[in-house]
Amino acid sequence: MNFLNIFIEIGTLFVVMLIGWICGRSNVITANGEDVISSIAIKIAFPALIVTSMMQTFTMELFRNSIALIILSGIIYGLIILALEIWRKLSKKSNSELGTLQLMIIFGNAAFMGFPVVNAVYGSIGVFYAASFNMFYNLLVFSYGVILLKRGNKFSVWKTLMNPGFLATILGFILFLFNVEPPYIILQPLKMIGNITIPLALLLVGSSLSRTKLTDLIRPRDIWMTSFARLLLFPAVLLFSLPLMGLNQYQVAIPVIIMATPVALTAGAFAGVYGGDSVLANKGVILSNLLSILTVPMVIWVLLKVIS
């Protein structure tokens, strides 16, 4: 896959984001409307997308590779979380700001950019492996991710975990494990609702951008640090270390592609819904996604050279 094709694949996401920007500037999407879209995306559409993306038919070979990717995912995210918790203890920033920064660094735009890029490079089998690698992500984002934003405030861990996204991940894993497919009358509506997640998130980021001065993206050092970690540091470390472990091409490529994605498009929505700094999150989303137009194709090009 050449650089131009990867560039076009990512560019389509920015076209929808541009439409969101126009909607924000023309007040088709208001500030209050952004809150409504955030709730729909996080509490309804994204959980539906999780359930449907995890329903895959697989062979034992696919199963073994998927288990390996789940284990790799746990190790990678575990190390990142450990490093950031140490950083948190040394930092003097507010709980809201720290939680939002940790959320942005840990959780990339896997489903909305990683999956399309994986599909463009490896097709449907790549998407299956990406969904396997993303299981740990789904479990973390709706558990640890929510706890990050609520830390410092009174909250119930049990009530925090009992949110639509976390429950959808558990349900999806059960369906995946037992190879159960719901009847069409249930599955089709879930797919339809899940399919609106990506455009909703992109429109939301574009609308948020319309209310943000571009000069505000240049000043905060933290969002540049976040973008560097997600777009260059993580994939560089994985590109260097994973091939040394004797893994096959899928077990190297999928983690590299997923971890090279920019800040999750839903970060701003998450921060808004669960008590984080949504303004900071949206700035990080916008900057990292803009930079990813260049960095993701570059990482994919290097990756294909390494594993070929």
Protein backbone atom coordinates (compact mmCIF):
# COMPACT_ATOMS: atom_id res chain seq x y z
CA MET A 1 0.00 0.00 0.00
CA ASN A 2 1.54 3.31 -1.06
CA PHE A 3 1.79 6.59 0.82
CA LEU A 4 -0.92 8.27 -1.32
CA ASN A 5 -3.55 5.59 -0.59
CA ILE A 6 -2.91 5.83 3.16
CA PHE A 7 -3.06 9.64 2.93
CA ILE A 8 -6.44 9.45 1.12
CA GLU A 9 -7.83 6.97 3.69
CA ILE A 10 -7.03 9.37 6.52
CA GLY A 11 -8.08 12.41 4.49
CA THR A 12 -11.67 11.15 4.25
CA LEU A 13 -11.98 11.45 8.02
CA PHE A 14 -10.97 15.10 7.82
CA VAL A 15 -13.61 15.82 5.16
CA VAL A 16 -16.32 14.83 7.66
CA MET A 17 -14.52 16.85 10.34
CA LEU A 18 -14.60 19.86 7.98
CA ILE A 19 -18.37 19.45 7.62
CA GLY A 20 -18.59 19.51 11.43
CA TRP A 21 -16.52 22.71 11.45
CA ILE A 22 -18.94 24.32 8.96
CA CYS A 23 -21.90 23.17 11.09
CA GLY A 24 -20.31 24.74 14.16
CA ARG A 25 -19.48 28.03 12.44
CA SER A 26 -23.01 28.30 11.01
CA ASN A 27 -24.53 27.32 14.38
CA VAL A 28 -26.21 24.23 12.94
CA ILE A 29 -24.44 22.45 15.80
CA THR A 30 -24.57 24.64 18.91
CA ALA A 31 -22.53 24.26 22.11
CA ASN A 32 -25.55 22.60 23.74
CA GLY A 33 -25.93 20.42 20.66
CA GLU A 34 -22.36 19.19 21.16
CA ASP A 35 -23.33 17.93 24.63
CA VAL A 36 -26.26 16.01 23.17
CA ILE A 37 -24.10 14.51 20.41
CA SER A 38 -21.47 13.53 23.00
CA SER A 39 -24.03 11.64 25.08
CA ILE A 40 -25.49 9.85 22.05
CA ALA A 41 -22.03 8.88 20.79
CA ILE A 42 -20.70 7.64 24.13
CA LYS A 43 -23.79 6.09 25.70
CA ILE A 44 -25.62 4.66 22.66
CA ALA A 45 -23.69 4.56 19.39
CA PHE A 46 -20.21 3.52 20.60
CA PRO A 47 -21.52 0.61 22.74
CA ALA A 48 -23.47 -0.66 19.72
CA LEU A 49 -20.31 -0.43 17.62
CA ILE A 50 -18.37 -2.40 20.25
CA VAL A 51 -20.90 -5.25 20.34
CA THR A 52 -21.13 -5.61 16.56
CA SER A 53 -17.37 -5.32 15.97
CA MET A 54 -16.66 -8.14 18.42
CA MET A 55 -19.00 -10.64 16.75
CA GLN A 56 -16.54 -12.51 14.50
CA THR A 57 -16.41 -16.07 13.16
CA PHE A 58 -12.92 -17.48 13.54
CA THR A 59 -10.76 -20.57 13.08
CA MET A 60 -8.31 -21.93 15.67
CA GLU A 61 -5.47 -20.10 13.89
CA LEU A 62 -7.39 -16.85 14.12
CA PHE A 63 -8.20 -17.64 17.74
CA ARG A 64 -4.54 -18.26 18.65
CA ASN A 65 -3.42 -15.05 16.95
CA SER A 66 -6.22 -13.10 18.59
CA ILE A 67 -5.29 -14.42 22.05
CA ALA A 68 -1.66 -13.43 21.42
CA LEU A 69 -2.80 -9.94 20.43
CA ILE A 70 -5.01 -9.62 23.51
CA ILE A 71 -2.03 -10.56 25.72
CA LEU A 72 0.21 -8.10 23.87
CA SER A 73 -2.43 -5.42 24.29
CA GLY A 74 -2.59 -6.04 28.04
CA ILE A 75 1.20 -5.80 28.38
CA ILE A 76 1.45 -2.64 26.27
CA TYR A 77 -1.38 -0.80 28.01
CA GLY A 78 -0.20 -2.02 31.41
CA LEU A 79 3.28 -0.55 30.89
CA ILE A 80 1.88 2.75 29.62
CA ILE A 81 -0.52 3.03 32.56
CA LEU A 82 2.26 2.25 35.05
CA ALA A 83 4.53 4.93 33.57
CA LEU A 84 1.74 7.51 33.60
CA GLU A 85 0.74 6.72 37.19
CA ILE A 86 4.35 7.39 38.25
CA TRP A 87 4.26 10.66 36.29
CA ARG A 88 0.94 11.57 37.94
CA LYS A 89 2.42 11.23 41.44
CA LEU A 90 5.26 13.59 40.49
CA SER A 91 3.02 16.16 38.77
CA LYS A 92 1.42 19.18 40.44
CA LYS A 93 -1.39 19.56 37.89
CA SER A 94 -5.06 19.35 38.90
CA ASN A 95 -6.84 15.98 38.97
CA SER A 96 -9.08 17.06 36.09
CA GLU A 97 -6.14 18.07 33.88
CA LEU A 98 -4.04 15.03 34.80
CA GLY A 99 -6.90 12.63 34.18
CA THR A 100 -7.63 14.19 30.81
CA LEU A 101 -3.96 14.08 29.73
CA GLN A 102 -3.65 10.44 30.80
CA LEU A 103 -6.84 9.62 28.90
CA MET A 104 -5.47 11.24 25.74
CA ILE A 105 -2.11 9.48 25.95
CA ILE A 106 -3.50 6.02 26.70
CA PHE A 107 -6.49 5.91 24.37
CA GLY A 108 -5.91 6.49 20.67
CA ASN A 109 -8.27 6.77 17.74
CA ALA A 110 -8.26 2.98 17.29
CA ALA A 111 -11.78 2.32 16.04
CA PHE A 112 -12.17 5.46 13.94
CA MET A 113 -8.74 5.62 12.30
CA GLY A 114 -6.87 2.44 13.23
CA PHE A 115 -9.54 0.08 11.91
CA PRO A 116 -9.94 1.82 8.51
CA VAL A 117 -6.15 1.88 8.04
CA VAL A 118 -5.81 -1.78 9.09
CA ASN A 119 -8.60 -2.66 6.66
CA ALA A 120 -6.84 -0.79 3.88
CA VAL A 121 -3.58 -2.67 4.55
CA TYR A 122 -4.78 -6.18 5.52
CA GLY A 123 -8.49 -6.40 4.68
CA SER A 124 -11.12 -8.17 6.81
CA ILE A 125 -8.64 -10.49 8.57
CA GLY A 126 -6.75 -7.42 9.75
CA VAL A 127 -9.96 -5.90 11.12
CA PHE A 128 -10.64 -9.11 13.07
CA TYR A 129 -7.17 -8.98 14.61
CA ALA A 130 -7.55 -5.27 15.33
CA ALA A 131 -10.84 -5.99 17.12
CA SER A 132 -9.04 -8.64 19.19
CA PHE A 133 -6.23 -6.24 20.10
CA ASN A 134 -8.85 -3.60 20.89
CA MET A 135 -10.73 -5.75 23.43
CA PHE A 136 -8.43 -4.65 26.24
CA TYR A 137 -8.83 -1.04 25.06
CA ASN A 138 -12.63 -1.34 25.25
CA LEU A 139 -12.46 -2.79 28.75
CA LEU A 140 -10.07 -0.07 29.92
CA VAL A 141 -11.67 2.98 28.33
CA PHE A 142 -15.02 2.41 30.01
CA SER A 143 -13.51 1.43 33.37
CA TYR A 144 -10.06 2.90 34.01
CA GLY A 145 -10.76 5.76 31.58
CA VAL A 146 -13.84 6.85 33.51
CA ILE A 147 -12.04 6.45 36.85
CA LEU A 148 -9.21 8.70 35.58
CA LEU A 149 -11.65 11.54 34.97
CA LYS A 150 -13.59 11.07 38.21
CA ARG A 151 -10.51 10.68 40.44
CA GLY A 152 -10.47 13.29 43.18
CA ASN A 153 -14.27 13.39 43.27
CA LYS A 154 -16.60 11.10 45.20
CA PHE A 155 -17.81 8.24 43.02
CA SER A 156 -18.81 4.59 43.22
CA VAL A 157 -16.42 2.24 41.41
CA TRP A 158 -19.28 -0.22 40.86
CA LYS A 159 -21.60 2.43 39.40
CA THR A 160 -18.73 3.76 37.29
CA LEU A 161 -18.09 0.32 35.80
CA MET A 162 -21.79 -0.26 35.15
CA ASN A 163 -21.84 2.09 32.16
CA PRO A 164 -23.09 1.28 28.63
CA GLY A 165 -19.63 0.94 27.08
CA PHE A 166 -18.25 -1.44 29.70
CA LEU A 167 -21.40 -3.57 29.66
CA ALA A 168 -21.30 -3.64 25.84
CA THR A 169 -17.71 -4.92 25.97
CA ILE A 170 -18.67 -7.73 28.35
CA LEU A 171 -21.67 -8.66 26.19
CA GLY A 172 -19.59 -8.50 23.01
CA PHE A 173 -16.90 -10.74 24.50
CA ILE A 174 -19.51 -13.33 25.55
CA LEU A 175 -21.02 -13.35 22.04
CA PHE A 176 -17.50 -13.56 20.58
CA LEU A 177 -16.44 -16.40 22.90
CA PHE A 178 -19.50 -18.56 22.24
CA ASN A 179 -19.82 -17.56 18.57
CA VAL A 180 -23.40 -16.40 19.08
CA GLU A 181 -25.08 -14.06 16.59
CA PRO A 182 -28.28 -12.28 17.67
CA PRO A 183 -31.33 -12.51 15.37
CA TYR A 184 -31.40 -10.13 12.42
CA ILE A 185 -34.12 -7.96 13.96
CA ILE A 186 -31.72 -7.15 16.83
CA LEU A 187 -28.37 -7.29 15.02
CA GLN A 188 -29.31 -4.97 12.15
CA PRO A 189 -30.47 -2.07 14.38
CA LEU A 190 -27.28 -2.47 16.45
CA LYS A 191 -25.19 -2.22 13.26
CA MET A 192 -27.15 0.81 12.07
CA ILE A 193 -26.69 2.60 15.39
CA GLY A 194 -23.03 1.58 15.65
CA ASN A 195 -22.34 2.90 12.16
CA ILE A 196 -23.22 6.46 13.19
CA THR A 197 -20.45 6.54 15.83
CA ILE A 198 -17.65 7.57 13.48
CA PRO A 199 -19.48 10.43 11.71
CA LEU A 200 -20.90 11.67 15.03
CA ALA A 201 -17.44 11.79 16.60
CA LEU A 202 -15.93 13.49 13.55
CA LEU A 203 -18.73 16.08 13.38
CA LEU A 204 -18.27 16.72 17.10
CA VAL A 205 -14.53 17.36 16.75
CA GLY A 206 -15.08 19.62 13.74
CA SER A 207 -17.74 21.61 15.56
CA SER A 208 -15.47 21.95 18.59
CA LEU A 209 -12.67 23.16 16.31
CA SER A 210 -14.95 25.94 15.02
CA ARG A 211 -15.00 27.36 18.57
CA THR A 212 -11.25 27.00 19.10
CA LYS A 213 -8.63 29.52 18.00
CA LEU A 214 -5.84 27.80 16.06
CA THR A 215 -3.34 29.82 18.08
CA ASP A 216 -4.63 28.00 21.18
CA LEU A 217 -3.34 24.74 19.69
CA ILE A 218 0.21 26.07 19.47
CA ARG A 219 0.62 27.27 23.05
CA PRO A 220 -0.15 24.31 25.36
CA ARG A 221 3.00 22.20 25.66
CA ASP A 222 1.01 19.31 27.12
CA ILE A 223 -0.98 18.59 23.96
CA TRP A 224 2.24 18.57 21.90
CA MET A 225 3.70 16.07 24.37
CA THR A 226 0.54 13.96 24.07
CA SER A 227 0.69 14.05 20.27
CA PHE A 228 4.38 13.10 20.25
CA ALA A 229 3.76 10.12 22.53
CA ARG A 230 0.84 8.80 20.51
CA LEU A 231 2.05 9.48 16.98
CA LEU A 232 5.80 8.80 17.20
CA LEU A 233 7.04 7.46 20.54
CA PHE A 234 4.68 4.47 20.91
CA PRO A 235 5.00 3.18 17.33
CA ALA A 236 8.79 3.70 17.34
CA VAL A 237 9.22 1.65 20.53
CA LEU A 238 6.96 -1.12 19.20
CA LEU A 239 8.63 -1.14 15.77
CA PHE A 240 11.97 -1.66 17.49
CA SER A 241 10.92 -4.21 20.13
CA LEU A 242 8.18 -6.44 18.66
CA PRO A 243 10.19 -7.86 15.70
CA LEU A 244 12.87 -8.95 18.21
CA MET A 245 10.30 -11.18 19.95
CA GLY A 246 9.82 -13.53 16.99
CA LEU A 247 6.20 -12.52 16.38
CA ASN A 248 4.43 -12.96 13.03
CA GLN A 249 3.58 -10.00 10.81
CA TYR A 250 0.06 -9.54 12.20
CA GLN A 251 1.30 -9.61 15.79
CA VAL A 252 3.78 -6.85 14.91
CA ALA A 253 1.73 -4.76 12.50
CA ILE A 254 -1.60 -4.56 14.35
CA PRO A 255 -0.17 -3.15 17.63
CA VAL A 256 2.02 -0.69 15.71
CA ILE A 257 -0.87 0.62 13.59
CA ILE A 258 -3.32 0.88 16.50
CA MET A 259 -0.79 2.56 18.81
CA ALA A 260 0.25 5.02 16.08
CA THR A 261 -3.22 6.56 15.93
CA PRO A 262 -3.89 10.07 17.28
CA VAL A 263 -5.92 10.90 20.38
CA ALA A 264 -9.34 9.21 20.38
CA LEU A 265 -12.03 11.33 18.76
CA THR A 266 -14.28 10.54 21.71
CA ALA A 267 -11.82 11.99 24.26
CA GLY A 268 -13.58 15.34 24.35
CA ALA A 269 -16.97 13.67 24.67
CA PHE A 270 -15.65 11.44 27.46
CA ALA A 271 -14.17 14.39 29.31
CA GLY A 272 -17.43 16.32 28.97
CA VAL A 273 -19.62 13.44 30.17
CA TYR A 274 -17.41 12.18 33.02
CA GLY A 275 -15.99 15.38 34.52
CA GLY A 276 -12.66 15.95 32.76
CA ASP A 277 -11.28 18.99 30.91
CA SER A 278 -13.18 18.78 27.62
CA VAL A 279 -11.54 21.93 26.19
CA LEU A 280 -8.04 20.50 26.71
CA ALA A 281 -9.17 17.12 25.35
CA ASN A 282 -10.62 18.62 22.18
CA LYS A 283 -7.43 20.63 21.58
CA GLY A 284 -5.43 17.40 21.88
CA VAL A 285 -7.81 15.60 19.54
CA ILE A 286 -7.59 18.33 16.92
CA LEU A 287 -3.80 18.79 17.02
CA SER A 288 -2.94 15.08 17.06
CA ASN A 289 -5.40 14.25 14.29
CA LEU A 290 -4.05 17.08 12.13
CA LEU A 291 -0.47 15.88 12.65
CA SER A 292 -1.51 12.28 11.94
CA ILE A 293 -2.16 13.17 8.30
CA LEU A 294 1.63 13.03 7.92
CA THR A 295 2.75 10.71 10.72
CA VAL A 296 0.41 7.73 10.19
CA PRO A 297 1.31 7.21 6.50
CA MET A 298 4.98 7.56 7.47
CA VAL A 299 4.67 4.94 10.23
CA ILE A 300 2.81 2.52 7.91
CA TRP A 301 5.47 2.96 5.23
CA VAL A 302 8.28 2.19 7.73
CA LEU A 303 6.27 -0.73 9.17
CA LEU A 304 5.80 -2.38 5.78
CA LYS A 305 9.52 -2.00 5.11
CA VAL A 306 10.38 -3.63 8.46
CA ILE A 307 8.08 -6.67 8.13
CA SER A 308 8.59 -7.28 4.40
